[in-house]
C-alpha atoms as a PDB file:
ATOM      1  CA  UNK A   1      55.457  34.885 -41.172  1.00  0.00           C
ATOM      2  CA  UNK A   2      54.989  32.982 -37.919  1.00  0.00           C
ATOM      3  CA  UNK A   3      51.966  35.130 -37.088  1.00  0.00           C
ATOM      4  CA  UNK A   4      50.383  34.347 -40.475  1.00  0.00           C
ATOM      5  CA  UNK A   5      51.083  30.635 -40.009  1.00  0.00           C
ATOM      6  CA  UNK A   6      49.531  30.616 -36.534  1.00  0.00           C
ATOM      7  CA  UNK A   7      46.640  32.724 -37.751  1.00  0.00           C
ATOM      8  CA  UNK A   8      46.112  30.319 -40.639  1.00  0.00           C
ATOM      9  CA  UNK A   9      46.236  27.285 -38.326  1.00  0.00           C
ATOM     10  CA  UNK A  10      43.809  28.958 -35.934  1.00  0.00           C
ATOM     11  CA  UNK A  11      41.463  29.689 -38.834  1.00  0.00           C
ATOM     12  CA  UNK A  12      41.644  26.050 -39.954  1.00  0.00           C
ATOM     13  CA  UNK A  13      40.954  24.867 -36.409  1.00  0.00           C
ATOM     14  CA  UNK A  14      37.923  27.159 -36.129  1.00  0.00           C
ATOM     15  CA  UNK A  15      36.652  26.032 -39.523  1.00  0.00           C
ATOM     16  CA  UNK A  16      37.167  22.365 -38.609  1.00  0.00           C
ATOM     17  CA  UNK A  17      35.362  22.828 -35.297  1.00  0.00           C
ATOM     18  CA  UNK A  18      32.466  24.484 -37.120  1.00  0.00           C
ATOM     19  CA  UNK A  19      32.337  21.660 -39.655  1.00  0.00           C
ATOM     20  CA  UNK A  20      32.267  19.072 -36.890  1.00  0.00           C
ATOM     21  CA  UNK A  21      29.454  20.893 -35.092  1.00  0.00           C
ATOM     22  CA  UNK A  22      27.364  21.388 -38.234  1.00  0.00           C
ATOM     23  CA  UNK A  23      26.176  17.764 -38.675  1.00  0.00           C
ATOM     24  CA  UNK A  24      24.856  17.643 -35.115  1.00  0.00           C
ATOM     25  CA  UNK A  25      22.775  20.748 -35.742  1.00  0.00           C
ATOM     26  CA  UNK A  26      21.545  19.356 -39.047  1.00  0.00           C
ATOM     27  CA  UNK A  27      20.483  16.104 -37.340  1.00  0.00           C
ATOM     28  CA  UNK A  28      18.657  18.011 -34.616  1.00  0.00           C
ATOM     29  CA  UNK A  29      16.940  20.304 -37.086  1.00  0.00           C
ATOM     30  CA  UNK A  30      15.698  17.341 -39.095  1.00  0.00           C
ATOM     31  CA  UNK A  31      14.289  15.397 -36.109  1.00  0.00           C
ATOM     32  CA  UNK A  32      10.843  14.107 -36.971  1.00  0.00           C
ATOM     33  CA  UNK A  33       8.010  16.040 -35.367  1.00  0.00           C
ATOM     34  CA  UNK A  34       6.169  14.373 -32.511  1.00  0.00           C
ATOM     35  CA  UNK A  35       2.461  13.781 -33.064  1.00  0.00           C
ATOM     36  CA  UNK A  36      -0.010  15.223 -30.594  1.00  0.00           C
ATOM     37  CA  UNK A  37      -1.590  12.761 -28.179  1.00  0.00           C
ATOM     38  CA  UNK A  38      -5.111  11.623 -29.025  1.00  0.00           C
ATOM     39  CA  UNK A  39      -5.768   9.908 -25.710  1.00  0.00           C
ATOM     40  CA  UNK A  40      -5.185  10.734 -22.071  1.00  0.00           C
ATOM     41  CA  UNK A  41      -1.702  12.131 -21.442  1.00  0.00           C
ATOM     42  CA  UNK A  42       0.208   9.771 -19.134  1.00  0.00           C
ATOM     43  CA  UNK A  43       3.678  11.332 -19.440  1.00  0.00           C
ATOM     44  CA  UNK A  44       4.940  14.882 -19.835  1.00  0.00           C
ATOM     45  CA  UNK A  45       8.598  15.556 -20.663  1.00  0.00           C
ATOM     46  CA  UNK A  46       9.983  19.076 -20.446  1.00  0.00           C
ATOM     47  CA  UNK A  47      13.245  20.914 -19.951  1.00  0.00           C
ATOM     48  CA  UNK A  48      16.252  20.564 -22.228  1.00  0.00           C
ATOM     49  CA  UNK A  49      14.502  18.790 -25.123  1.00  0.00           C
ATOM     50  CA  UNK A  50      14.246  19.917 -28.726  1.00  0.00           C
ATOM     51  CA  UNK A  51      11.285  17.861 -29.954  1.00  0.00           C
ATOM     52  CA  UNK A  52       7.948  18.962 -28.525  1.00  0.00           C
ATOM     53  CA  UNK A  53       4.279  18.622 -29.352  1.00  0.00           C
ATOM     54  CA  UNK A  54       2.896  21.102 -26.809  1.00  0.00           C
ATOM     55  CA  UNK A  55       3.938  24.465 -25.408  1.00  0.00           C
ATOM     56  CA  UNK A  56       7.484  23.831 -24.120  1.00  0.00           C
ATOM     57  CA  UNK A  57       7.007  20.116 -23.536  1.00  0.00           C
ATOM     58  CA  UNK A  58       6.362  16.723 -25.086  1.00  0.00           C
ATOM     59  CA  UNK A  59       3.138  14.989 -24.088  1.00  0.00           C
ATOM     60  CA  UNK A  60       2.615  11.257 -24.506  1.00  0.00           C
ATOM     61  CA  UNK A  61      -0.465   9.128 -24.381  1.00  0.00           C
ATOM     62  CA  UNK A  62      -0.139   5.336 -24.261  1.00  0.00           C
ATOM     63  CA  UNK A  63      -0.296   5.056 -28.056  1.00  0.00           C
ATOM     64  CA  UNK A  64       2.592   7.486 -28.607  1.00  0.00           C
ATOM     65  CA  UNK A  65       4.752   5.603 -26.101  1.00  0.00           C
ATOM     66  CA  UNK A  66       3.851   2.239 -27.622  1.00  0.00           C
ATOM     67  CA  UNK A  67       4.774   3.578 -31.075  1.00  0.00           C
ATOM     68  CA  UNK A  68       8.386   3.988 -29.908  1.00  0.00           C
ATOM     69  CA  UNK A  69      10.744   0.972 -30.059  1.00  0.00           C
ATOM     70  CA  UNK A  70       9.696  -1.492 -27.371  1.00  0.00           C
ATOM     71  CA  UNK A  71      12.051  -3.468 -25.136  1.00  0.00           C
ATOM     72  CA  UNK A  72      11.468  -6.250 -22.641  1.00  0.00           C
ATOM     73  CA  UNK A  73      13.405  -6.669 -19.404  1.00  0.00           C
ATOM     74  CA  UNK A  74      13.079  -9.698 -17.139  1.00  0.00           C
ATOM     75  CA  UNK A  75      14.120  -8.757 -13.621  1.00  0.00           C
ATOM     76  CA  UNK A  76      12.909  -8.626 -10.049  1.00  0.00           C
ATOM     77  CA  UNK A  77      12.208  -5.660  -7.811  1.00  0.00           C
ATOM     78  CA  UNK A  78      12.127  -5.206  -4.031  1.00  0.00           C
ATOM     79  CA  UNK A  79       8.350  -4.686  -4.393  1.00  0.00           C
ATOM     80  CA  UNK A  80       7.571  -7.770  -6.480  1.00  0.00           C
ATOM     81  CA  UNK A  81       9.666 -10.389  -4.672  1.00  0.00           C
ATOM     82  CA  UNK A  82      12.648 -12.381  -5.913  1.00  0.00           C
ATOM     83  CA  UNK A  83      10.749 -14.109  -8.699  1.00  0.00           C
ATOM     84  CA  UNK A  84      11.464 -12.800 -12.209  1.00  0.00           C
ATOM     85  CA  UNK A  85       8.979 -10.322 -13.623  1.00  0.00           C
ATOM     86  CA  UNK A  86       8.725  -9.392 -17.317  1.00  0.00           C
ATOM     87  CA  UNK A  87       8.468  -5.648 -17.892  1.00  0.00           C
ATOM     88  CA  UNK A  88       8.071  -4.100 -21.331  1.00  0.00           C
ATOM     89  CA  UNK A  89       8.130  -0.554 -22.569  1.00  0.00           C
ATOM     90  CA  UNK A  90      10.508   2.091 -23.877  1.00  0.00           C
ATOM     91  CA  UNK A  91      14.153   2.397 -22.961  1.00  0.00           C
ATOM     92  CA  UNK A  92      14.624   5.817 -21.389  1.00  0.00           C
ATOM     93  CA  UNK A  93      17.693   6.274 -23.605  1.00  0.00           C
ATOM     94  CA  UNK A  94      15.489   5.807 -26.692  1.00  0.00           C
ATOM     95  CA  UNK A  95      12.941   8.301 -25.356  1.00  0.00           C
ATOM     96  CA  UNK A  96      15.644  10.891 -24.645  1.00  0.00           C
ATOM     97  CA  UNK A  97      17.143  10.335 -28.094  1.00  0.00           C
ATOM     98  CA  UNK A  98      13.725  10.732 -29.747  1.00  0.00           C
ATOM     99  CA  UNK A  99      13.253  14.053 -27.971  1.00  0.00           C
ATOM    100  CA  UNK A 100      16.838  15.198 -28.736  1.00  0.00           C
ATOM    101  CA  UNK A 101      17.383  15.659 -25.008  1.00  0.00           C
ATOM    102  CA  UNK A 102      20.677  16.916 -23.725  1.00  0.00           C
ATOM    103  CA  UNK A 103      22.124  17.802 -20.400  1.00  0.00           C
ATOM    104  CA  UNK A 104      20.950  16.061 -17.329  1.00  0.00           C
ATOM    105  CA  UNK A 105      20.082  15.009 -14.769  1.00  0.00           C
ATOM    106  CA  UNK A 106      16.498  13.944 -15.352  1.00  0.00           C
ATOM    107  CA  UNK A 107      14.025  14.736 -12.595  1.00  0.00           C
ATOM    108  CA  UNK A 108      11.384  12.015 -12.406  1.00  0.00           C
ATOM    109  CA  UNK A 109       8.111  12.852 -10.696  1.00  0.00           C
ATOM    110  CA  UNK A 110       5.268  10.541  -9.678  1.00  0.00           C
ATOM    111  CA  UNK A 111       1.539  11.078  -9.256  1.00  0.00           C
ATOM    112  CA  UNK A 112       2.073  11.386  -5.474  1.00  0.00           C
ATOM    113  CA  UNK A 113       4.690  14.155  -6.033  1.00  0.00           C
ATOM    114  CA  UNK A 114       7.631  11.859  -5.208  1.00  0.00           C
ATOM    115  CA  UNK A 115      10.648  13.295  -7.066  1.00  0.00           C
ATOM    116  CA  UNK A 116      14.117  11.960  -7.685  1.00  0.00           C
ATOM    117  CA  UNK A 117      17.038  12.845  -9.936  1.00  0.00           C
ATOM    118  CA  UNK A 118      18.314  10.270 -12.406  1.00  0.00           C
ATOM    119  CA  UNK A 119      21.755  10.949 -13.857  1.00  0.00           C
ATOM    120  CA  UNK A 120      21.734  10.935 -17.655  1.00  0.00           C
ATOM    121  CA  UNK A 121      24.757   8.605 -17.409  1.00  0.00           C
ATOM    122  CA  UNK A 122      22.472   5.892 -15.952  1.00  0.00           C
ATOM    123  CA  UNK A 123      20.842   5.609 -19.375  1.00  0.00           C
ATOM    124  CA  UNK A 124      24.207   4.602 -20.854  1.00  0.00           C
ATOM    125  CA  UNK A 125      25.205   2.250 -18.026  1.00  0.00           C
ATOM    126  CA  UNK A 126      21.873   0.455 -17.525  1.00  0.00           C
ATOM    127  CA  UNK A 127      18.923  -0.553 -19.680  1.00  0.00           C
ATOM    128  CA  UNK A 128      16.626   1.795 -17.747  1.00  0.00           C
ATOM    129  CA  UNK A 129      13.108   0.983 -18.875  1.00  0.00           C
ATOM    130  CA  UNK A 130      10.017   3.136 -18.858  1.00  0.00           C
ATOM    131  CA  UNK A 131       7.716   0.172 -18.270  1.00  0.00           C
ATOM    132  CA  UNK A 132       4.188   0.207 -19.691  1.00  0.00           C
ATOM    133  CA  UNK A 133       3.415  -3.469 -19.032  1.00  0.00           C
ATOM    134  CA  UNK A 134       4.140  -6.007 -16.333  1.00  0.00           C
ATOM    135  CA  UNK A 135       3.977  -9.665 -17.375  1.00  0.00           C
ATOM    136  CA  UNK A 136       2.179  -8.585 -20.546  1.00  0.00           C
ATOM    137  CA  UNK A 137      -0.555  -6.649 -18.745  1.00  0.00           C
ATOM    138  CA  UNK A 138      -1.040  -2.877 -18.927  1.00  0.00           C
ATOM    139  CA  UNK A 139      -0.207  -1.446 -15.509  1.00  0.00           C
ATOM    140  CA  UNK A 140      -2.909   0.550 -13.777  1.00  0.00           C
ATOM    141  CA  UNK A 141      -2.322   3.179 -11.077  1.00  0.00           C
ATOM    142  CA  UNK A 142      -3.208   0.626  -8.375  1.00  0.00           C
ATOM    143  CA  UNK A 143      -0.478  -1.659  -9.813  1.00  0.00           C
ATOM    144  CA  UNK A 144       2.286   0.999  -9.780  1.00  0.00           C
ATOM    145  CA  UNK A 145       1.371   2.156 -13.275  1.00  0.00           C
ATOM    146  CA  UNK A 146       0.665   3.502 -15.717  1.00  0.00           C
ATOM    147  CA  UNK A 147       4.459   3.968 -15.961  1.00  0.00           C
ATOM    148  CA  UNK A 148       7.217   2.527 -13.797  1.00  0.00           C
ATOM    149  CA  UNK A 149      10.935   3.235 -14.167  1.00  0.00           C
ATOM    150  CA  UNK A 150      12.660  -0.141 -14.004  1.00  0.00           C
ATOM    151  CA  UNK A 151      16.369  -0.840 -13.610  1.00  0.00           C
ATOM    152  CA  UNK A 152      17.455  -4.412 -14.409  1.00  0.00           C
ATOM    153  CA  UNK A 153      18.480  -6.013 -11.110  1.00  0.00           C
ATOM    154  CA  UNK A 154      20.415  -9.159 -10.293  1.00  0.00           C
ATOM    155  CA  UNK A 155      18.643 -11.149  -7.543  1.00  0.00           C
ATOM    156  CA  UNK A 156      22.052 -12.353  -6.297  1.00  0.00           C
ATOM    157  CA  UNK A 157      23.208  -8.780  -5.673  1.00  0.00           C
ATOM    158  CA  UNK A 158      21.952  -6.322  -3.057  1.00  0.00           C
ATOM    159  CA  UNK A 159      20.036  -3.373  -4.492  1.00  0.00           C
ATOM    160  CA  UNK A 160      21.840  -0.076  -4.080  1.00  0.00           C
ATOM    161  CA  UNK A 161      19.647   2.423  -2.246  1.00  0.00           C
ATOM    162  CA  UNK A 162      20.256   5.054  -4.938  1.00  0.00           C
ATOM    163  CA  UNK A 163      19.000   2.679  -7.662  1.00  0.00           C
ATOM    164  CA  UNK A 164      15.989   1.669  -5.568  1.00  0.00           C
ATOM    165  CA  UNK A 165      15.057   5.364  -5.109  1.00  0.00           C
ATOM    166  CA  UNK A 166      15.220   5.894  -8.889  1.00  0.00           C
ATOM    167  CA  UNK A 167      12.703   3.127  -9.671  1.00  0.00           C
ATOM    168  CA  UNK A 168       9.744   5.514  -9.672  1.00  0.00           C
ATOM    169  CA  UNK A 169       6.298   4.011 -10.058  1.00  0.00           C
ATOM    170  CA  UNK A 170       3.192   5.962 -11.069  1.00  0.00           C
ATOM    171  CA  UNK A 171       5.550   8.172 -13.076  1.00  0.00           C
ATOM    172  CA  UNK A 172       3.874  11.105 -14.807  1.00  0.00           C
ATOM    173  CA  UNK A 173       6.615  13.665 -15.516  1.00  0.00           C
ATOM    174  CA  UNK A 174      10.255  13.886 -16.569  1.00  0.00           C
ATOM    175  CA  UNK A 175      12.216  17.148 -16.577  1.00  0.00           C
ATOM    176  CA  UNK A 176      15.579  17.204 -18.345  1.00  0.00           C
ATOM    177  CA  UNK A 177      17.818  19.794 -16.658  1.00  0.00           C
END
């Protein structure tokens, strides 16, 4: 009798675990497809993502990135001086959610092959922005664009070296590991 009771409880636990896991799979399966870029690709995201629009990756032109929810962050950077700068673009958390990304870290790579790892937990702790504009203007390569990873900074606080390293300008690729 004890064996049947334990077996029954185990069966209920397995069934409950399966029921809890099922909605997540249903949400993932119903994620909206990502349109193909019609302009020049400025960002490629690959790795542990479920939503793609190319072979094994998601490619974004400026229009696709601007179609995502936009956020504005007013901050300063070590490269722009202590005066506030207004950056706008897509929160990296929103981008990762749109692509049904999981795992981490995220390897960010720039046009000059600079690479750095960004912990996925940073996206929960900070409003990490994938900036498309600086003070309302589209950023060009000569101005650290077309994409710049921006962490909101407090001018009264010293910048941690690890955060400074993660503020990649001329970003062109993200790999979710």
